[in-house]
Amino acid sequence: MTPDSTRDTAERRTTDRRTTSVDFDALAARLDAVERAVAADGDGTSRPVDEPSPAGDAGRATGARSGGEDDSTDGRDAELGALRERVETLEAELDAVRGLLGGVRAVDESVERKADAALAAVERLGSSAAGESDLVVERVPVDDLSGAPEDGGTGADRTDADAGVSGRDAETERSDARGDATGAEEEGDSLAARLRGAL
């Protein structure tokens, strides 16, 4: 091997070593740039490669928040459904109470009408009995005072006897009228007592 060829081979090796060294440096620089670009956040600042990205943290936090919100939403929906059922039940009970009150009012009005009619009848009965007790019934004898008495007595004796009979008849009728009035009043009182007891 000649010295020239040996020199050429040595120079070539040196050149190749330099080229390889330059290539490695360029590759390392490019790799660093790529790592910085991948690890960079939104404001352009670079982060170390081993440091976790905030995007992952935000995603995990958002997921936790969304899970909690879903749970709270489900709880609120359940409470709302229970409240709606309770309101419907209360409305049905209120309608039933209103219907019952309407029936009670109708019965009260009917009883009041009947009571008014009964009181009016009792008052009419009492007033008619009082009117009958005020009447005085007198009978006037229809005998011919000018005729001669049949029993041989004088006309004056006959008149006195007739007057005595008329007086007794009038007293009897008065006592009967008083008894009728008393009976009517007692009947009216008993009717009023029964009506008050019923009410």
C-alpha atoms as a PDB file:
ATOM      1  CA  MET A   1       0.000   0.000   0.000  1.00  0.00           C
ATOM      2  CA  THR A   2       1.409   3.355  -0.952  1.00  0.00           C
ATOM      3  CA  PRO A   3       1.707   6.233   1.444  1.00  0.00           C
ATOM      4  CA  ASP A   4      -0.706   8.330  -0.647  1.00  0.00           C
ATOM      5  CA  SER A   5      -3.442   5.780  -0.416  1.00  0.00           C
ATOM      6  CA  THR A   6      -2.871   5.470   3.289  1.00  0.00           C
ATOM      7  CA  ARG A   7      -3.151   9.254   3.656  1.00  0.00           C
ATOM      8  CA  ASP A   8      -6.376   9.341   1.622  1.00  0.00           C
ATOM      9  CA  THR A   9      -7.921   6.607   3.706  1.00  0.00           C
ATOM     10  CA  ALA A  10      -7.093   8.418   6.930  1.00  0.00           C
ATOM     11  CA  GLU A  11      -8.514  11.703   5.668  1.00  0.00           C
ATOM     12  CA  ARG A  12     -11.703   9.982   4.541  1.00  0.00           C
ATOM     13  CA  ARG A  13     -12.164   8.401   7.948  1.00  0.00           C
ATOM     14  CA  THR A  14     -11.668  11.739   9.670  1.00  0.00           C
ATOM     15  CA  THR A  15     -14.207  13.359   7.361  1.00  0.00           C
ATOM     16  CA  ASP A  16     -16.707  10.589   7.956  1.00  0.00           C
ATOM     17  CA  ARG A  17     -16.252  10.920  11.709  1.00  0.00           C
ATOM     18  CA  ARG A  18     -16.882  14.668  11.533  1.00  0.00           C
ATOM     19  CA  THR A  19     -19.950  14.177   9.362  1.00  0.00           C
ATOM     20  CA  THR A  20     -21.340  11.563  11.694  1.00  0.00           C
ATOM     21  CA  SER A  21     -20.712  13.821  14.671  1.00  0.00           C
ATOM     22  CA  VAL A  22     -22.467  16.720  12.968  1.00  0.00           C
ATOM     23  CA  ASP A  23     -25.400  14.485  12.065  1.00  0.00           C
ATOM     24  CA  PHE A  24     -25.766  13.315  15.653  1.00  0.00           C
ATOM     25  CA  ASP A  25     -25.729  16.879  16.955  1.00  0.00           C
ATOM     26  CA  ALA A  26     -28.387  17.916  14.431  1.00  0.00           C
ATOM     27  CA  LEU A  27     -30.539  14.951  15.299  1.00  0.00           C
ATOM     28  CA  ALA A  28     -30.221  15.681  19.005  1.00  0.00           C
ATOM     29  CA  ALA A  29     -31.195  19.316  18.438  1.00  0.00           C
ATOM     30  CA  ARG A  30     -34.178  18.320  16.348  1.00  0.00           C
ATOM     31  CA  LEU A  31     -35.245  15.763  18.937  1.00  0.00           C
ATOM     32  CA  ASP A  32     -35.105  18.388  21.670  1.00  0.00           C
ATOM     33  CA  ALA A  33     -37.207  20.718  19.540  1.00  0.00           C
ATOM     34  CA  VAL A  34     -39.801  18.022  18.981  1.00  0.00           C
ATOM     35  CA  GLU A  35     -39.950  17.231  22.695  1.00  0.00           C
ATOM     36  CA  ARG A  36     -40.395  20.899  23.519  1.00  0.00           C
ATOM     37  CA  ALA A  37     -43.182  21.201  20.945  1.00  0.00           C
ATOM     38  CA  VAL A  38     -44.979  18.161  22.304  1.00  0.00           C
ATOM     39  CA  ALA A  39     -44.602  19.191  25.942  1.00  0.00           C
ATOM     40  CA  ALA A  40     -45.428  22.882  25.314  1.00  0.00           C
ATOM     41  CA  ASP A  41     -48.680  24.195  26.794  1.00  0.00           C
ATOM     42  CA  GLY A  42     -51.049  26.768  25.303  1.00  0.00           C
ATOM     43  CA  ASP A  43     -49.053  29.884  26.234  1.00  0.00           C
ATOM     44  CA  GLY A  44     -45.929  28.742  24.399  1.00  0.00           C
ATOM     45  CA  THR A  45     -43.860  27.893  27.473  1.00  0.00           C
ATOM     46  CA  SER A  46     -42.141  24.560  27.372  1.00  0.00           C
ATOM     47  CA  ARG A  47     -42.571  22.003  30.112  1.00  0.00           C
ATOM     48  CA  PRO A  48     -40.279  19.184  31.121  1.00  0.00           C
ATOM     49  CA  VAL A  49     -41.007  15.895  29.452  1.00  0.00           C
ATOM     50  CA  ASP A  50     -41.547  13.999  32.689  1.00  0.00           C
ATOM     51  CA  GLU A  51     -44.010  16.620  34.066  1.00  0.00           C
ATOM     52  CA  PRO A  52     -47.692  15.653  33.531  1.00  0.00           C
ATOM     53  CA  SER A  53     -49.712  17.772  31.171  1.00  0.00           C
ATOM     54  CA  PRO A  54     -52.371  20.057  32.686  1.00  0.00           C
ATOM     55  CA  ALA A  55     -54.750  18.984  29.956  1.00  0.00           C
ATOM     56  CA  GLY A  56     -54.892  15.537  31.499  1.00  0.00           C
ATOM     57  CA  ASP A  57     -55.478  17.023  34.937  1.00  0.00           C
ATOM     58  CA  ALA A  58     -58.232  19.252  33.564  1.00  0.00           C
ATOM     59  CA  GLY A  59     -59.827  16.292  31.844  1.00  0.00           C
ATOM     60  CA  ARG A  60     -59.800  14.272  35.017  1.00  0.00           C
ATOM     61  CA  ALA A  61     -61.226  17.214  37.001  1.00  0.00           C
ATOM     62  CA  THR A  62     -63.904  17.787  34.360  1.00  0.00           C
ATOM     63  CA  GLY A  63     -64.815  14.121  34.454  1.00  0.00           C
ATOM     64  CA  ALA A  64     -65.094  14.205  38.227  1.00  0.00           C
ATOM     65  CA  ARG A  65     -67.222  17.341  38.066  1.00  0.00           C
ATOM     66  CA  SER A  66     -69.482  15.894  35.396  1.00  0.00           C
ATOM     67  CA  GLY A  67     -69.916  12.702  37.421  1.00  0.00           C
ATOM     68  CA  GLY A  68     -70.844  14.718  40.514  1.00  0.00           C
ATOM     69  CA  GLU A  69     -73.222  16.893  38.520  1.00  0.00           C
ATOM     70  CA  ASP A  70     -74.894  13.794  37.085  1.00  0.00           C
ATOM     71  CA  ASP A  71     -75.392  12.407  40.585  1.00  0.00           C
ATOM     72  CA  SER A  72     -76.832  15.692  41.880  1.00  0.00           C
ATOM     73  CA  THR A  73     -79.082  16.001  38.820  1.00  0.00           C
ATOM     74  CA  ASP A  74     -80.417  12.490  39.364  1.00  0.00           C
ATOM     75  CA  GLY A  75     -81.094  13.301  43.021  1.00  0.00           C
ATOM     76  CA  ARG A  76     -82.928  16.493  42.095  1.00  0.00           C
ATOM     77  CA  ASP A  77     -85.006  14.658  39.501  1.00  0.00           C
ATOM     78  CA  ALA A  78     -86.001  12.070  42.112  1.00  0.00           C
ATOM     79  CA  GLU A  79     -86.952  14.784  44.609  1.00  0.00           C
ATOM     80  CA  LEU A  80     -88.935  16.629  41.946  1.00  0.00           C
ATOM     81  CA  GLY A  81     -90.823  13.455  41.031  1.00  0.00           C
ATOM     82  CA  ALA A  82     -91.655  12.797  44.689  1.00  0.00           C
ATOM     83  CA  LEU A  83     -92.879  16.383  45.118  1.00  0.00           C
ATOM     84  CA  ARG A  84     -95.077  16.099  42.032  1.00  0.00           C
ATOM     85  CA  GLU A  85     -96.648  12.896  43.340  1.00  0.00           C
ATOM     86  CA  ARG A  86     -97.268  14.554  46.699  1.00  0.00           C
ATOM     87  CA  VAL A  87     -98.918  17.569  45.052  1.00  0.00           C
ATOM     88  CA  GLU A  88    -101.179  15.305  42.980  1.00  0.00           C
ATOM     89  CA  THR A  89    -102.202  13.392  46.117  1.00  0.00           C
ATOM     90  CA  LEU A  90    -102.968  16.629  47.968  1.00  0.00           C
ATOM     91  CA  GLU A  91    -105.036  17.931  45.048  1.00  0.00           C
ATOM     92  CA  ALA A  92    -107.103  14.722  45.006  1.00  0.00           C
ATOM     93  CA  GLU A  93    -107.684  14.942  48.769  1.00  0.00           C
ATOM     94  CA  LEU A  94    -108.659  18.616  48.446  1.00  0.00           C
ATOM     95  CA  ASP A  95    -111.207  17.779  45.738  1.00  0.00           C
ATOM     96  CA  ALA A  96    -112.687  15.078  47.977  1.00  0.00           C
ATOM     97  CA  VAL A  97    -112.982  17.515  50.895  1.00  0.00           C
ATOM     98  CA  ARG A  98    -114.636  20.107  48.640  1.00  0.00           C
ATOM     99  CA  GLY A  99    -117.181  17.531  47.474  1.00  0.00           C
ATOM    100  CA  LEU A 100    -117.919  16.553  51.066  1.00  0.00           C
ATOM    101  CA  LEU A 101    -118.417  20.188  52.064  1.00  0.00           C
ATOM    102  CA  GLY A 102    -120.772  20.705  49.130  1.00  0.00           C
ATOM    103  CA  GLY A 103    -122.872  17.731  50.275  1.00  0.00           C
ATOM    104  CA  VAL A 104    -122.942  19.031  53.851  1.00  0.00           C
ATOM    105  CA  ARG A 105    -124.075  22.464  52.634  1.00  0.00           C
ATOM    106  CA  ALA A 106    -126.886  20.886  50.593  1.00  0.00           C
ATOM    107  CA  VAL A 107    -128.053  18.861  53.617  1.00  0.00           C
ATOM    108  CA  ASP A 108    -127.882  21.962  55.828  1.00  0.00           C
ATOM    109  CA  GLU A 109    -130.009  23.949  53.383  1.00  0.00           C
ATOM    110  CA  SER A 110    -132.574  21.141  53.187  1.00  0.00           C
ATOM    111  CA  VAL A 111    -132.766  20.820  56.981  1.00  0.00           C
ATOM    112  CA  GLU A 112    -133.061  24.589  57.322  1.00  0.00           C
ATOM    113  CA  ARG A 113    -135.943  24.706  54.839  1.00  0.00           C
ATOM    114  CA  LYS A 114    -137.753  21.910  56.681  1.00  0.00           C
ATOM    115  CA  ALA A 115    -137.177  23.609  60.027  1.00  0.00           C
ATOM    116  CA  ASP A 116    -138.533  26.908  58.699  1.00  0.00           C
ATOM    117  CA  ALA A 117    -141.628  25.171  57.345  1.00  0.00           C
ATOM    118  CA  ALA A 118    -142.216  23.360  60.650  1.00  0.00           C
ATOM    119  CA  LEU A 119    -141.812  26.557  62.670  1.00  0.00           C
ATOM    120  CA  ALA A 120    -144.236  28.381  60.374  1.00  0.00           C
ATOM    121  CA  ALA A 121    -146.775  25.573  60.800  1.00  0.00           C
ATOM    122  CA  VAL A 122    -146.404  25.678  64.588  1.00  0.00           C
ATOM    123  CA  GLU A 123    -146.843  29.453  64.594  1.00  0.00           C
ATOM    124  CA  ARG A 124    -149.963  29.178  62.432  1.00  0.00           C
ATOM    125  CA  LEU A 125    -151.368  26.513  64.739  1.00  0.00           C
ATOM    126  CA  GLY A 126    -150.635  28.621  67.816  1.00  0.00           C
ATOM    127  CA  SER A 127    -152.212  31.741  66.324  1.00  0.00           C
ATOM    128  CA  SER A 128    -155.347  29.856  65.267  1.00  0.00           C
ATOM    129  CA  ALA A 129    -155.688  28.320  68.759  1.00  0.00           C
ATOM    130  CA  ALA A 130    -155.297  31.756  70.350  1.00  0.00           C
ATOM    131  CA  GLY A 131    -157.954  33.180  68.027  1.00  0.00           C
ATOM    132  CA  GLU A 132    -160.396  30.426  68.966  1.00  0.00           C
ATOM    133  CA  SER A 133    -159.829  30.997  72.690  1.00  0.00           C
ATOM    134  CA  ASP A 134    -160.727  34.688  72.276  1.00  0.00           C
ATOM    135  CA  LEU A 135    -164.078  33.883  70.733  1.00  0.00           C
ATOM    136  CA  VAL A 136    -167.063  33.910  73.105  1.00  0.00           C
ATOM    137  CA  VAL A 137    -169.934  31.832  71.944  1.00  0.00           C
ATOM    138  CA  GLU A 138    -173.281  32.890  73.316  1.00  0.00           C
ATOM    139  CA  ARG A 139    -176.603  31.274  72.586  1.00  0.00           C
ATOM    140  CA  VAL A 140    -179.691  33.373  72.593  1.00  0.00           C
ATOM    141  CA  PRO A 141    -182.834  31.393  73.472  1.00  0.00           C
ATOM    142  CA  VAL A 142    -185.340  31.415  70.672  1.00  0.00           C
ATOM    143  CA  ASP A 143    -188.440  30.945  72.763  1.00  0.00           C
ATOM    144  CA  ASP A 144    -191.568  32.893  72.354  1.00  0.00           C
ATOM    145  CA  LEU A 145    -191.696  34.825  75.598  1.00  0.00           C
ATOM    146  CA  SER A 146    -195.236  35.969  74.850  1.00  0.00           C
ATOM    147  CA  GLY A 147    -196.616  32.396  74.870  1.00  0.00           C
ATOM    148  CA  ALA A 148    -198.037  30.802  77.967  1.00  0.00           C
ATOM    149  CA  PRO A 149    -195.831  28.324  79.836  1.00  0.00           C
ATOM    150  CA  GLU A 150    -196.800  24.709  79.389  1.00  0.00           C
ATOM    151  CA  ASP A 151    -195.977  23.608  82.923  1.00  0.00           C
ATOM    152  CA  GLY A 152    -198.383  26.109  84.474  1.00  0.00           C
ATOM    153  CA  GLY A 153    -195.591  28.382  85.693  1.00  0.00           C
ATOM    154  CA  THR A 154    -195.355  32.040  85.014  1.00  0.00           C
ATOM    155  CA  GLY A 155    -193.528  33.490  82.077  1.00  0.00           C
ATOM    156  CA  ALA A 156    -190.913  34.967  84.398  1.00  0.00           C
ATOM    157  CA  ASP A 157    -190.098  31.532  85.827  1.00  0.00           C
ATOM    158  CA  ARG A 158    -189.743  30.145  82.339  1.00  0.00           C
ATOM    159  CA  THR A 159    -187.442  32.954  81.339  1.00  0.00           C
ATOM    160  CA  ASP A 160    -185.279  32.430  84.414  1.00  0.00           C
ATOM    161  CA  ALA A 161    -185.033  28.722  83.722  1.00  0.00           C
ATOM    162  CA  ASP A 162    -184.124  29.324  80.109  1.00  0.00           C
ATOM    163  CA  ALA A 163    -181.552  31.855  81.177  1.00  0.00           C
ATOM    164  CA  GLY A 164    -180.048  29.303  83.587  1.00  0.00           C
ATOM    165  CA  VAL A 165    -179.825  26.710  80.832  1.00  0.00           C
ATOM    166  CA  SER A 166    -178.320  29.242  78.449  1.00  0.00           C
ATOM    167  CA  GLY A 167    -175.750  30.254  81.045  1.00  0.00           C
ATOM    168  CA  ARG A 168    -174.764  26.639  81.639  1.00  0.00           C
ATOM    169  CA  ASP A 169    -174.459  26.009  77.890  1.00  0.00           C
ATOM    170  CA  ALA A 170    -172.355  29.130  77.436  1.00  0.00           C
ATOM    171  CA  GLU A 171    -170.086  28.113  80.335  1.00  0.00           C
ATOM    172  CA  THR A 172    -169.701  24.626  78.902  1.00  0.00           C
ATOM    173  CA  GLU A 173    -168.791  25.997  75.510  1.00  0.00           C
ATOM    174  CA  ARG A 174    -166.325  28.427  77.040  1.00  0.00           C
ATOM    175  CA  SER A 175    -164.639  25.652  79.001  1.00  0.00           C
ATOM    176  CA  ASP A 176    -164.571  23.506  75.861  1.00  0.00           C
ATOM    177  CA  ALA A 177    -162.993  26.373  73.930  1.00  0.00           C
ATOM    178  CA  ARG A 178    -160.454  26.884  76.711  1.00  0.00           C
ATOM    179  CA  GLY A 179    -159.677  23.154  76.672  1.00  0.00           C
ATOM    180  CA  ASP A 180    -159.271  23.196  72.891  1.00  0.00           C
ATOM    181  CA  ALA A 181    -156.979  26.194  73.093  1.00  0.00           C
ATOM    182  CA  THR A 182    -154.955  24.580  75.878  1.00  0.00           C
ATOM    183  CA  GLY A 183    -154.710  21.352  73.881  1.00  0.00           C
ATOM    184  CA  ALA A 184    -153.652  23.265  70.778  1.00  0.00           C
ATOM    185  CA  GLU A 185    -151.030  25.173  72.739  1.00  0.00           C
ATOM    186  CA  GLU A 186    -149.729  21.958  74.306  1.00  0.00           C
ATOM    187  CA  GLU A 187    -149.612  20.337  70.874  1.00  0.00           C
ATOM    188  CA  GLY A 188    -147.751  23.370  69.507  1.00  0.00           C
ATOM    189  CA  ASP A 189    -145.303  23.262  72.423  1.00  0.00           C
ATOM    190  CA  SER A 190    -144.675  19.546  71.919  1.00  0.00           C
ATOM    191  CA  LEU A 191    -144.149  20.098  68.183  1.00  0.00           C
ATOM    192  CA  ALA A 192    -141.689  22.910  68.892  1.00  0.00           C
ATOM    193  CA  ALA A 193    -139.904  20.746  71.481  1.00  0.00           C
ATOM    194  CA  ARG A 194    -139.617  17.867  69.021  1.00  0.00           C
ATOM    195  CA  LEU A 195    -138.309  20.226  66.346  1.00  0.00           C
ATOM    196  CA  ARG A 196    -135.717  21.720  68.696  1.00  0.00           C
ATOM    197  CA  GLY A 197    -134.629  18.241  69.731  1.00  0.00           C
ATOM    198  CA  ALA A 198    -134.237  17.198  66.092  1.00  0.00           C
ATOM    199  CA  LEU A 199    -132.116  20.262  65.320  1.00  0.00           C
END
